Amino acid sequence: MVAEKIEDALRQYYCTEQYWKNDMLCFQYTDGVKAMWTMCEAYWLLIAISSYRRKESFQIWELKKTGPSSAVLTMKEDSDEPILVRQKIGYTDFPLDEIKLYLIDGVLILPSEY
């Protein structure tokens, strides 16, 4: 799928009908997050976020491409706060230049679902 089509599709999620759970993850996630990882083939991103098991009740996770096939994953407690987690991704075929996700009280959501 083209990045533009994925971004348009993800903007359509503003709430969720169901919270999803997988035993490999330490959080639940919404319909929008499920659609994102399906369209982007990026379940690895959820596993990476889960692997940190942070205790902050509000977390902003961002994946940004740093090159054609590399990226960096970061986490902050809020927009104006310092980065608490930074992981370089040496290779990725993630189709979007960047994605932002919120982890709020154990539920991972898209910003449009907030």
PDB file of N, CA and C in Angstrom:
ATOM      1  N   MET A   1       0.833  -1.186   0.000  1.00  0.00           N
ATOM      2  CA  MET A   1       0.000   0.000   0.000  1.00  0.00           C
ATOM      3  C   MET A   1       0.877   1.248   0.000  1.00  0.00           C
ATOM      4  N   VAL A   2       0.483   2.237  -0.709  1.00  0.00           N
ATOM      5  CA  VAL A   2       1.216   3.490  -0.768  1.00  0.00           C
ATOM      6  C   VAL A   2       1.053   4.228   0.555  1.00  0.00           C
ATOM      7  N   ALA A   3       2.120   4.910   0.988  1.00  0.00           N
ATOM      8  CA  ALA A   3       2.110   5.614   2.270  1.00  0.00           C
ATOM      9  C   ALA A   3       0.931   6.579   2.396  1.00  0.00           C
ATOM     10  N   GLU A   4       0.634   7.294   1.333  1.00  0.00           N
ATOM     11  CA  GLU A   4      -0.467   8.258   1.366  1.00  0.00           C
ATOM     12  C   GLU A   4      -1.804   7.575   1.652  1.00  0.00           C
ATOM     13  N   LYS A   5      -2.026   6.427   1.048  1.00  0.00           N
ATOM     14  CA  LYS A   5      -3.273   5.682   1.268  1.00  0.00           C
ATOM     15  C   LYS A   5      -3.339   5.166   2.704  1.00  0.00           C
ATOM     16  N   ILE A   6      -2.223   4.721   3.237  1.00  0.00           N
ATOM     17  CA  ILE A   6      -2.189   4.235   4.618  1.00  0.00           C
ATOM     18  C   ILE A   6      -2.503   5.381   5.575  1.00  0.00           C
ATOM     19  N   GLU A   7      -1.860   6.527   5.370  1.00  0.00           N
ATOM     20  CA  GLU A   7      -2.110   7.686   6.234  1.00  0.00           C
ATOM     21  C   GLU A   7      -3.570   8.110   6.178  1.00  0.00           C
ATOM     22  N   ASP A   8      -4.160   8.128   4.969  1.00  0.00           N
ATOM     23  CA  ASP A   8      -5.582   8.473   4.831  1.00  0.00           C
ATOM     24  C   ASP A   8      -6.460   7.482   5.570  1.00  0.00           C
ATOM     25  N   ALA A   9      -6.149   6.204   5.445  1.00  0.00           N
ATOM     26  CA  ALA A   9      -6.937   5.169   6.125  1.00  0.00           C
ATOM     27  C   ALA A   9      -6.833   5.304   7.640  1.00  0.00           C
ATOM     28  N   LEU A  10      -5.649   5.582   8.149  1.00  0.00           N
ATOM     29  CA  LEU A  10      -5.467   5.685   9.599  1.00  0.00           C
ATOM     30  C   LEU A  10      -6.159   6.910  10.187  1.00  0.00           C
ATOM     31  N   ARG A  11      -6.285   7.978   9.397  1.00  0.00           N
ATOM     32  CA  ARG A  11      -6.984   9.185   9.882  1.00  0.00           C
ATOM     33  C   ARG A  11      -8.463   8.917  10.148  1.00  0.00           C
ATOM     34  N   GLN A  12      -9.001   7.842   9.596  1.00  0.00           N
ATOM     35  CA  GLN A  12     -10.412   7.516   9.773  1.00  0.00           C
ATOM     36  C   GLN A  12     -10.717   6.929  11.155  1.00  0.00           C
ATOM     37  N   TYR A  13      -9.691   6.562  11.892  1.00  0.00           N
ATOM     38  CA  TYR A  13      -9.891   5.976  13.220  1.00  0.00           C
ATOM     39  C   TYR A  13      -9.922   7.084  14.266  1.00  0.00           C
ATOM     40  N   TYR A  14     -11.058   7.261  14.903  1.00  0.00           N
ATOM     41  CA  TYR A  14     -11.201   8.269  15.947  1.00  0.00           C
ATOM     42  C   TYR A  14     -11.733   7.675  17.241  1.00  0.00           C
ATOM     43  N   CYS A  15     -12.040   6.404  17.240  1.00  0.00           N
ATOM     44  CA  CYS A  15     -12.420   5.666  18.448  1.00  0.00           C
ATOM     45  C   CYS A  15     -12.221   4.189  18.137  1.00  0.00           C
ATOM     46  N   THR A  16     -12.504   3.340  19.081  1.00  0.00           N
ATOM     47  CA  THR A  16     -12.340   1.914  18.825  1.00  0.00           C
ATOM     48  C   THR A  16     -13.589   1.175  19.265  1.00  0.00           C
ATOM     49  N   GLU A  17     -13.882   0.099  18.582  1.00  0.00           N
ATOM     50  CA  GLU A  17     -15.007  -0.749  18.965  1.00  0.00           C
ATOM     51  C   GLU A  17     -14.559  -1.888  19.857  1.00  0.00           C
ATOM     52  N   GLN A  18     -13.261  -2.184  19.807  1.00  0.00           N
ATOM     53  CA  GLN A  18     -12.743  -3.323  20.558  1.00  0.00           C
ATOM     54  C   GLN A  18     -11.308  -3.051  20.978  1.00  0.00           C
ATOM     55  N   TYR A  19     -10.961  -3.532  22.151  1.00  0.00           N
ATOM     56  CA  TYR A  19      -9.575  -3.493  22.605  1.00  0.00           C
ATOM     57  C   TYR A  19      -8.992  -4.884  22.373  1.00  0.00           C
ATOM     58  N   TRP A  20      -7.833  -4.923  21.731  1.00  0.00           N
ATOM     59  CA  TRP A  20      -7.182  -6.176  21.374  1.00  0.00           C
ATOM     60  C   TRP A  20      -6.066  -6.478  22.346  1.00  0.00           C
ATOM     61  N   LYS A  21      -5.806  -7.755  22.563  1.00  0.00           N
ATOM     62  CA  LYS A  21      -4.758  -8.203  23.478  1.00  0.00           C
ATOM     63  C   LYS A  21      -4.039  -9.385  22.859  1.00  0.00           C
ATOM     64  N   ASN A  22      -2.736  -9.407  23.059  1.00  0.00           N
ATOM     65  CA  ASN A  22      -1.911 -10.519  22.627  1.00  0.00           C
ATOM     66  C   ASN A  22      -0.974 -10.835  23.779  1.00  0.00           C
ATOM     67  N   ASP A  23      -0.755 -12.104  24.063  1.00  0.00           N
ATOM     68  CA  ASP A  23       0.076 -12.499  25.199  1.00  0.00           C
ATOM     69  C   ASP A  23       1.534 -12.052  25.064  1.00  0.00           C
ATOM     70  N   MET A  24       1.976 -11.705  23.848  1.00  0.00           N
ATOM     71  CA  MET A  24       3.346 -11.237  23.657  1.00  0.00           C
ATOM     72  C   MET A  24       3.522  -9.771  24.056  1.00  0.00           C
ATOM     73  N   LEU A  25       2.422  -9.061  24.244  1.00  0.00           N
ATOM     74  CA  LEU A  25       2.471  -7.625  24.526  1.00  0.00           C
ATOM     75  C   LEU A  25       2.022  -7.332  25.945  1.00  0.00           C
ATOM     76  N   CYS A  26       2.588  -6.289  26.526  1.00  0.00           N
ATOM     77  CA  CYS A  26       2.227  -5.920  27.901  1.00  0.00           C
ATOM     78  C   CYS A  26       1.130  -4.856  27.920  1.00  0.00           C
ATOM     79  N   PHE A  27       0.464  -4.645  26.795  1.00  0.00           N
ATOM     80  CA  PHE A  27      -0.606  -3.657  26.715  1.00  0.00           C
ATOM     81  C   PHE A  27      -1.693  -4.150  25.765  1.00  0.00           C
ATOM     82  N   GLN A  28      -2.834  -3.479  25.831  1.00  0.00           N
ATOM     83  CA  GLN A  28      -3.901  -3.705  24.860  1.00  0.00           C
ATOM     84  C   GLN A  28      -3.720  -2.683  23.742  1.00  0.00           C
ATOM     85  N   TYR A  29      -4.424  -2.871  22.626  1.00  0.00           N
ATOM     86  CA  TYR A  29      -4.345  -1.900  21.544  1.00  0.00           C
ATOM     87  C   TYR A  29      -5.701  -1.792  20.861  1.00  0.00           C
ATOM     88  N   THR A  30      -5.869  -0.708  20.131  1.00  0.00           N
ATOM     89  CA  THR A  30      -7.156  -0.369  19.528  1.00  0.00           C
ATOM     90  C   THR A  30      -7.270  -0.878  18.089  1.00  0.00           C
ATOM     91  N   ASP A  31      -8.463  -0.688  17.533  1.00  0.00           N
ATOM     92  CA  ASP A  31      -8.698  -1.041  16.131  1.00  0.00           C
ATOM     93  C   ASP A  31      -7.740  -0.287  15.205  1.00  0.00           C
ATOM     94  N   GLY A  32      -7.495   0.992  15.499  1.00  0.00           N
ATOM     95  CA  GLY A  32      -6.606   1.795  14.662  1.00  0.00           C
ATOM     96  C   GLY A  32      -5.181   1.273  14.673  1.00  0.00           C
ATOM     97  N   VAL A  33      -4.687   0.881  15.844  1.00  0.00           N
ATOM     98  CA  VAL A  33      -3.333   0.329  15.938  1.00  0.00           C
ATOM     99  C   VAL A  33      -3.276  -1.011  15.211  1.00  0.00           C
ATOM    100  N   LYS A  34      -4.322  -1.802  15.348  1.00  0.00           N
ATOM    101  CA  LYS A  34      -4.365  -3.095  14.638  1.00  0.00           C
ATOM    102  C   LYS A  34      -4.332  -2.867  13.126  1.00  0.00           C
ATOM    103  N   ALA A  35      -5.065  -1.884  12.655  1.00  0.00           N
ATOM    104  CA  ALA A  35      -5.061  -1.561  11.222  1.00  0.00           C
ATOM    105  C   ALA A  35      -3.675  -1.083  10.781  1.00  0.00           C
ATOM    106  N   MET A  36      -3.026  -0.261  11.613  1.00  0.00           N
ATOM    107  CA  MET A  36      -1.704   0.250  11.275  1.00  0.00           C
ATOM    108  C   MET A  36      -0.706  -0.882  11.109  1.00  0.00           C
ATOM    109  N   TRP A  37      -0.636  -1.786  12.106  1.00  0.00           N
ATOM    110  CA  TRP A  37       0.380  -2.832  11.989  1.00  0.00           C
ATOM    111  C   TRP A  37       0.051  -3.820  10.886  1.00  0.00           C
ATOM    112  N   THR A  38      -1.226  -3.976  10.560  1.00  0.00           N
ATOM    113  CA  THR A  38      -1.601  -4.850   9.452  1.00  0.00           C
ATOM    114  C   THR A  38      -1.204  -4.220   8.117  1.00  0.00           C
ATOM    115  N   MET A  39      -1.591  -2.959   7.901  1.00  0.00           N
ATOM    116  CA  MET A  39      -1.278  -2.281   6.641  1.00  0.00           C
ATOM    117  C   MET A  39       0.223  -2.074   6.453  1.00  0.00           C
ATOM    118  N   CYS A  40       0.923  -1.801   7.533  1.00  0.00           N
ATOM    119  CA  CYS A  40       2.365  -1.520   7.463  1.00  0.00           C
ATOM    120  C   CYS A  40       3.218  -2.765   7.679  1.00  0.00           C
ATOM    121  N   GLU A  41       2.569  -3.886   7.956  1.00  0.00           N
ATOM    122  CA  GLU A  41       3.281  -5.129   8.279  1.00  0.00           C
ATOM    123  C   GLU A  41       4.323  -4.861   9.368  1.00  0.00           C
ATOM    124  N   ALA A  42       3.865  -4.267  10.457  1.00  0.00           N
ATOM    125  CA  ALA A  42       4.784  -3.778  11.486  1.00  0.00           C
ATOM    126  C   ALA A  42       4.428  -4.251  12.887  1.00  0.00           C
ATOM    127  N   TYR A  43       4.105  -5.531  13.033  1.00  0.00           N
ATOM    128  CA  TYR A  43       3.852  -6.045  14.376  1.00  0.00           C
ATOM    129  C   TYR A  43       5.114  -5.924  15.230  1.00  0.00           C
ATOM    130  N   TRP A  44       6.272  -5.943  14.576  1.00  0.00           N
ATOM    131  CA  TRP A  44       7.552  -5.785  15.270  1.00  0.00           C
ATOM    132  C   TRP A  44       7.600  -4.478  16.061  1.00  0.00           C
ATOM    133  N   LEU A  45       6.897  -3.444  15.570  1.00  0.00           N
ATOM    134  CA  LEU A  45       6.879  -2.156  16.266  1.00  0.00           C
ATOM    135  C   LEU A  45       6.174  -2.291  17.618  1.00  0.00           C
ATOM    136  N   LEU A  46       5.071  -3.016  17.657  1.00  0.00           N
ATOM    137  CA  LEU A  46       4.370  -3.238  18.920  1.00  0.00           C
ATOM    138  C   LEU A  46       5.234  -4.049  19.882  1.00  0.00           C
ATOM    139  N   ILE A  47       5.934  -5.040  19.363  1.00  0.00           N
ATOM    140  CA  ILE A  47       6.824  -5.842  20.204  1.00  0.00           C
ATOM    141  C   ILE A  47       7.955  -4.983  20.760  1.00  0.00           C
ATOM    142  N   ALA A  48       8.504  -4.096  19.925  1.00  0.00           N
ATOM    143  CA  ALA A  48       9.575  -3.208  20.387  1.00  0.00           C
ATOM    144  C   ALA A  48       9.082  -2.304  21.514  1.00  0.00           C
ATOM    145  N   ILE A  49       7.910  -1.713  21.349  1.00  0.00           N
ATOM    146  CA  ILE A  49       7.344  -0.847  22.392  1.00  0.00           C
ATOM    147  C   ILE A  49       7.100  -1.651  23.666  1.00  0.00           C
ATOM    148  N   SER A  50       6.533  -2.823  23.522  1.00  0.00           N
ATOM    149  CA  SER A  50       6.236  -3.667  24.674  1.00  0.00           C
ATOM    150  C   SER A  50       7.503  -4.098  25.410  1.00  0.00           C
ATOM    151  N   SER A  51       8.582  -4.271  24.685  1.00  0.00           N
ATOM    152  CA  SER A  51       9.819  -4.768  25.301  1.00  0.00           C
ATOM    153  C   SER A  51      10.395  -3.810  26.340  1.00  0.00           C
ATOM    154  N   TYR A  52      10.036  -2.537  26.266  1.00  0.00           N
ATOM    155  CA  TYR A  52      10.552  -1.568  27.239  1.00  0.00           C
ATOM    156  C   TYR A  52       9.785  -1.581  28.552  1.00  0.00           C
ATOM    157  N   ARG A  53       8.528  -1.971  28.539  1.00  0.00           N
ATOM    158  CA  ARG A  53       7.702  -2.080  29.756  1.00  0.00           C
ATOM    159  C   ARG A  53       7.891  -0.903  30.715  1.00  0.00           C
ATOM    160  N   ARG A  54       7.676   0.291  30.201  1.00  0.00           N
ATOM    161  CA  ARG A  54       7.812   1.505  30.997  1.00  0.00           C
ATOM    162  C   ARG A  54       6.603   1.665  31.916  1.00  0.00           C
ATOM    163  N   LYS A  55       6.796   2.416  33.014  1.00  0.00           N
ATOM    164  CA  LYS A  55       5.720   2.569  33.998  1.00  0.00           C
ATOM    165  C   LYS A  55       4.963   3.886  33.884  1.00  0.00           C
ATOM    166  N   GLU A  56       5.414   4.807  33.037  1.00  0.00           N
ATOM    167  CA  GLU A  56       4.719   6.083  32.898  1.00  0.00           C
ATOM    168  C   GLU A  56       3.302   5.833  32.374  1.00  0.00           C
ATOM    169  N   SER A  57       2.316   6.538  32.949  1.00  0.00           N
ATOM    170  CA  SER A  57       0.924   6.286  32.554  1.00  0.00           C
ATOM    171  C   SER A  57       0.593   6.878  31.184  1.00  0.00           C
ATOM    172  N   PHE A  58       1.342   7.884  30.749  1.00  0.00           N
ATOM    173  CA  PHE A  58       1.144   8.477  29.422  1.00  0.00           C
ATOM    174  C   PHE A  58       2.485   8.486  28.705  1.00  0.00           C
ATOM    175  N   GLN A  59       2.536   7.840  27.549  1.00  0.00           N
ATOM    176  CA  GLN A  59       3.779   7.753  26.783  1.00  0.00           C
ATOM    177  C   GLN A  59       3.504   8.100  25.325  1.00  0.00           C
ATOM    178  N   ILE A  60       4.391   8.875  24.731  1.00  0.00           N
ATOM    179  CA  ILE A  60       4.323   9.185  23.306  1.00  0.00           C
ATOM    180  C   ILE A  60       5.458   8.439  22.625  1.00  0.00           C
ATOM    181  N   TRP A  61       5.100   7.506  21.759  1.00  0.00           N
ATOM    182  CA  TRP A  61       6.070   6.717  21.005  1.00  0.00           C
ATOM    183  C   TRP A  61       6.083   7.222  19.572  1.00  0.00           C
ATOM    184  N   GLU A  62       7.281   7.456  19.038  1.00  0.00           N
ATOM    185  CA  GLU A  62       7.411   7.907  17.662  1.00  0.00           C
ATOM    186  C   GLU A  62       8.456   7.076  16.931  1.00  0.00           C
ATOM    187  N   LEU A  63       8.093   6.656  15.751  1.00  0.00           N
ATOM    188  CA  LEU A  63       9.039   5.997  14.853  1.00  0.00           C
ATOM    189  C   LEU A  63       9.243   6.949  13.688  1.00  0.00           C
ATOM    190  N   LYS A  64      10.499   7.359  13.464  1.00  0.00           N
ATOM    191  CA  LYS A  64      10.818   8.274  12.367  1.00  0.00           C
ATOM    192  C   LYS A  64      11.929   7.667  11.527  1.00  0.00           C
ATOM    193  N   LYS A  65      11.723   7.709  10.215  1.00  0.00           N
ATOM    194  CA  LYS A  65      12.762   7.244   9.300  1.00  0.00           C
ATOM    195  C   LYS A  65      13.933   8.215   9.353  1.00  0.00           C
ATOM    196  N   THR A  66      15.138   7.676   9.360  1.00  0.00           N
ATOM    197  CA  THR A  66      16.350   8.489   9.346  1.00  0.00           C
ATOM    198  C   THR A  66      17.104   8.312   8.032  1.00  0.00           C
ATOM    199  N   GLY A  67      16.640   7.418   7.209  1.00  0.00           N
ATOM    200  CA  GLY A  67      17.217   7.137   5.901  1.00  0.00           C
ATOM    201  C   GLY A  67      16.226   6.302   5.124  1.00  0.00           C
ATOM    202  N   PRO A  68      16.602   5.838   3.944  1.00  0.00           N
ATOM    203  CA  PRO A  68      15.654   5.051   3.148  1.00  0.00           C
ATOM    204  C   PRO A  68      15.210   3.757   3.820  1.00  0.00           C
ATOM    205  N   SER A  69      16.072   3.173   4.646  1.00  0.00           N
ATOM    206  CA  SER A  69      15.703   1.907   5.288  1.00  0.00           C
ATOM    207  C   SER A  69      16.126   1.847   6.752  1.00  0.00           C
ATOM    208  N   SER A  70      16.323   3.001   7.378  1.00  0.00           N
ATOM    209  CA  SER A  70      16.660   3.040   8.804  1.00  0.00           C
ATOM    210  C   SER A  70      15.712   3.995   9.508  1.00  0.00           C
ATOM    211  N   ALA A  71      15.613   3.836  10.825  1.00  0.00           N
ATOM    212  CA  ALA A  71      14.684   4.654  11.598  1.00  0.00           C
ATOM    213  C   ALA A  71      15.157   4.740  13.046  1.00  0.00           C
ATOM    214  N   VAL A  72      14.475   5.570  13.803  1.00  0.00           N
ATOM    215  CA  VAL A  72      14.721   5.654  15.236  1.00  0.00           C
ATOM    216  C   VAL A  72      13.366   5.634  15.940  1.00  0.00           C
ATOM    217  N   LEU A  73      13.281   4.873  17.005  1.00  0.00           N
ATOM    218  CA  LEU A  73      12.086   4.768  17.833  1.00  0.00           C
ATOM    219  C   LEU A  73      12.366   5.505  19.132  1.00  0.00           C
ATOM    220  N   THR A  74      11.489   6.441  19.497  1.00  0.00           N
ATOM    221  CA  THR A  74      11.679   7.206  20.729  1.00  0.00           C
ATOM    222  C   THR A  74      10.410   7.198  21.567  1.00  0.00           C
ATOM    223  N   MET A  75      10.580   7.484  22.864  1.00  0.00           N
ATOM    224  CA  MET A  75       9.445   7.620  23.775  1.00  0.00           C
ATOM    225  C   MET A  75       9.682   8.786  24.712  1.00  0.00           C
ATOM    226  N   LYS A  76       8.638   9.597  24.885  1.00  0.00           N
ATOM    227  CA  LYS A  76       8.636  10.713  25.834  1.00  0.00           C
ATOM    228  C   LYS A  76       7.376  10.598  26.688  1.00  0.00           C
ATOM    229  N   GLU A  77       7.405  11.271  27.837  1.00  0.00           N
ATOM    230  CA  GLU A  77       6.192  11.325  28.660  1.00  0.00           C
ATOM    231  C   GLU A  77       5.201  12.345  28.136  1.00  0.00           C
ATOM    232  N   ASP A  78       5.681  13.362  27.438  1.00  0.00           N
ATOM    233  CA  ASP A  78       4.820  14.369  26.838  1.00  0.00           C
ATOM    234  C   ASP A  78       5.621  15.106  25.779  1.00  0.00           C
ATOM    235  N   SER A  79       4.955  15.902  24.973  1.00  0.00           N
ATOM    236  CA  SER A  79       5.603  16.556  23.846  1.00  0.00           C
ATOM    237  C   SER A  79       6.818  17.386  24.229  1.00  0.00           C
ATOM    238  N   ASP A  80       6.726  18.115  25.331  1.00  0.00           N
ATOM    239  CA  ASP A  80       7.819  19.009  25.729  1.00  0.00           C
ATOM    240  C   ASP A  80       8.788  18.374  26.735  1.00  0.00           C
ATOM    241  N   GLU A  81       8.693  17.088  26.926  1.00  0.00           N
ATOM    242  CA  GLU A  81       9.564  16.371  27.859  1.00  0.00           C
ATOM    243  C   GLU A  81      10.755  15.762  27.124  1.00  0.00           C
ATOM    244  N   PRO A  82      11.822  15.424  27.850  1.00  0.00           N
ATOM    245  CA  PRO A  82      12.982  14.804  27.202  1.00  0.00           C
ATOM    246  C   PRO A  82      12.685  13.363  26.765  1.00  0.00           C
ATOM    247  N   ILE A  83      13.466  12.889  25.825  1.00  0.00           N
ATOM    248  CA  ILE A  83      13.339  11.513  25.338  1.00  0.00           C
ATOM    249  C   ILE A  83      13.832  10.559  26.421  1.00  0.00           C
ATOM    250  N   LEU A  84      13.022   9.578  26.774  1.00  0.00           N
ATOM    251  CA  LEU A  84      13.371   8.580  27.786  1.00  0.00           C
ATOM    252  C   LEU A  84      13.850   7.271  27.164  1.00  0.00           C
ATOM    253  N   VAL A  85      13.392   6.978  25.949  1.00  0.00           N
ATOM    254  CA  VAL A  85      13.796   5.764  25.240  1.00  0.00           C
ATOM    255  C   VAL A  85      14.205   6.176  23.835  1.00  0.00           C
ATOM    256  N   ARG A  86      15.304   5.638  23.379  1.00  0.00           N
ATOM    257  CA  ARG A  86      15.766   5.874  22.005  1.00  0.00           C
ATOM    258  C   ARG A  86      16.383   4.578  21.491  1.00  0.00           C
ATOM    259  N   GLN A  87      15.827   4.047  20.417  1.00  0.00           N
ATOM    260  CA  GLN A  87      16.347   2.820  19.818  1.00  0.00           C
ATOM    261  C   GLN A  87      16.543   3.045  18.325  1.00  0.00           C
ATOM    262  N   LYS A  88      17.755   2.831  17.859  1.00  0.00           N
ATOM    263  CA  LYS A  88      18.037   2.917  16.432  1.00  0.00           C
ATOM    264  C   LYS A  88      17.589   1.613  15.773  1.00  0.00           C
ATOM    265  N   ILE A  89      16.905   1.741  14.653  1.00  0.00           N
ATOM    266  CA  ILE A  89      16.461   0.596  13.873  1.00  0.00           C
ATOM    267  C   ILE A  89      17.345   0.573  12.625  1.00  0.00           C
ATOM    268  N   GLY A  90      18.244  -0.390  12.549  1.00  0.00           N
ATOM    269  CA  GLY A  90      19.213  -0.448  11.459  1.00  0.00           C
ATOM    270  C   GLY A  90      18.599  -0.720  10.100  1.00  0.00           C
ATOM    271  N   TYR A  91      17.541  -1.514  10.073  1.00  0.00           N
ATOM    272  CA  TYR A  91      16.861  -1.783   8.815  1.00  0.00           C
ATOM    273  C   TYR A  91      15.361  -1.889   9.070  1.00  0.00           C
ATOM    274  N   THR A  92      14.594  -1.214   8.233  1.00  0.00           N
ATOM    275  CA  THR A  92      13.146  -1.339   8.265  1.00  0.00           C
ATOM    276  C   THR A  92      12.581  -1.067   6.878  1.00  0.00           C
ATOM    277  N   ASP A  93      11.505  -1.745   6.550  1.00  0.00           N
ATOM    278  CA  ASP A  93      10.781  -1.443   5.317  1.00  0.00           C
ATOM    279  C   ASP A  93       9.442  -0.782   5.652  1.00  0.00           C
ATOM    280  N   PHE A  94       9.377  -0.161   6.828  1.00  0.00           N
ATOM    281  CA  PHE A  94       8.168   0.541   7.257  1.00  0.00           C
ATOM    282  C   PHE A  94       7.791   1.553   6.178  1.00  0.00           C
ATOM    283  N   PRO A  95       6.548   1.534   5.694  1.00  0.00           N
ATOM    284  CA  PRO A  95       6.181   2.352   4.531  1.00  0.00           C
ATOM    285  C   PRO A  95       5.972   3.845   4.804  1.00  0.00           C
ATOM    286  N   LEU A  96       5.798   4.231   6.066  1.00  0.00           N
ATOM    287  CA  LEU A  96       5.567   5.635   6.397  1.00  0.00           C
ATOM    288  C   LEU A  96       6.865   6.298   6.846  1.00  0.00           C
ATOM    289  N   ASP A  97       6.982   7.604   6.613  1.00  0.00           N
ATOM    290  CA  ASP A  97       8.168   8.334   7.076  1.00  0.00           C
ATOM    291  C   ASP A  97       8.192   8.436   8.594  1.00  0.00           C
ATOM    292  N   GLU A  98       6.997   8.475   9.191  1.00  0.00           N
ATOM    293  CA  GLU A  98       6.909   8.515  10.650  1.00  0.00           C
ATOM    294  C   GLU A  98       5.520   8.098  11.103  1.00  0.00           C
ATOM    295  N   ILE A  99       5.461   7.667  12.343  1.00  0.00           N
ATOM    296  CA  ILE A  99       4.185   7.326  12.988  1.00  0.00           C
ATOM    297  C   ILE A  99       4.310   7.686  14.455  1.00  0.00           C
ATOM    298  N   LYS A 100       3.234   8.201  15.009  1.00  0.00           N
ATOM    299  CA  LYS A 100       3.177   8.530  16.434  1.00  0.00           C
ATOM    300  C   LYS A 100       2.081   7.689  17.050  1.00  0.00           C
ATOM    301  N   LEU A 101       2.348   7.120  18.220  1.00  0.00           N
ATOM    302  CA  LEU A 101       1.387   6.321  18.966  1.00  0.00           C
ATOM    303  C   LEU A 101       1.405   6.775  20.416  1.00  0.00           C
ATOM    304  N   TYR A 102       0.267   6.695  21.080  1.00  0.00           N
ATOM    305  CA  TYR A 102       0.175   7.007  22.505  1.00  0.00           C
ATOM    306  C   TYR A 102      -0.090   5.716  23.264  1.00  0.00           C
ATOM    307  N   LEU A 103       0.632   5.534  24.338  1.00  0.00           N
ATOM    308  CA  LEU A 103       0.362   4.425  25.258  1.00  0.00           C
ATOM    309  C   LEU A 103      -0.170   5.052  26.540  1.00  0.00           C
ATOM    310  N   ILE A 104      -1.465   4.867  26.765  1.00  0.00           N
ATOM    311  CA  ILE A 104      -2.137   5.521  27.887  1.00  0.00           C
ATOM    312  C   ILE A 104      -2.742   4.465  28.788  1.00  0.00           C
ATOM    313  N   ASP A 105      -2.247   4.400  30.013  1.00  0.00           N
ATOM    314  CA  ASP A 105      -2.770   3.453  31.004  1.00  0.00           C
ATOM    315  C   ASP A 105      -2.931   2.046  30.439  1.00  0.00           C
ATOM    316  N   GLY A 106      -1.919   1.575  29.725  1.00  0.00           N
ATOM    317  CA  GLY A 106      -1.911   0.204  29.241  1.00  0.00           C
ATOM    318  C   GLY A 106      -2.648  -0.050  27.943  1.00  0.00           C
ATOM    319  N   VAL A 107      -3.009   1.026  27.207  1.00  0.00           N
ATOM    320  CA  VAL A 107      -3.682   0.871  25.916  1.00  0.00           C
ATOM    321  C   VAL A 107      -2.930   1.701  24.872  1.00  0.00           C
ATOM    322  N   LEU A 108      -2.494   1.053  23.797  1.00  0.00           N
ATOM    323  CA  LEU A 108      -1.798   1.723  22.709  1.00  0.00           C
ATOM    324  C   LEU A 108      -2.817   2.200  21.683  1.00  0.00           C
ATOM    325  N   ILE A 109      -2.762   3.514  21.350  1.00  0.00           N
ATOM    326  CA  ILE A 109      -3.736   4.106  20.450  1.00  0.00           C
ATOM    327  C   ILE A 109      -3.058   5.000  19.416  1.00  0.00           C
ATOM    328  N   LEU A 110      -3.781   5.267  18.340  1.00  0.00           N
ATOM    329  CA  LEU A 110      -3.363   6.289  17.379  1.00  0.00           C
ATOM    330  C   LEU A 110      -3.721   7.658  17.960  1.00  0.00           C
ATOM    331  N   PRO A 111      -3.000   8.722  17.610  1.00  0.00           N
ATOM    332  CA  PRO A 111      -3.355  10.058  18.101  1.00  0.00           C
ATOM    333  C   PRO A 111      -4.796  10.449  17.757  1.00  0.00           C
ATOM    334  N   SER A 112      -5.301  10.024  16.606  1.00  0.00           N
ATOM    335  CA  SER A 112      -6.676  10.359  16.234  1.00  0.00           C
ATOM    336  C   SER A 112      -7.718   9.665  17.126  1.00  0.00           C
ATOM    337  N   GLU A 113      -7.298   8.636  17.852  1.00  0.00           N
ATOM    338  CA  GLU A 113      -8.217   7.923  18.752  1.00  0.00           C
ATOM    339  C   GLU A 113      -8.187   8.505  20.165  1.00  0.00           C
ATOM    340  N   TYR A 114      -7.363   9.512  20.391  1.00  0.00           N
ATOM    341  CA  TYR A 114      -7.204  10.095  21.730  1.00  0.00           C
ATOM    342  C   TYR A 114      -8.360  10.978  22.084  1.00  0.00           C
TER     343      TYR A 114
END
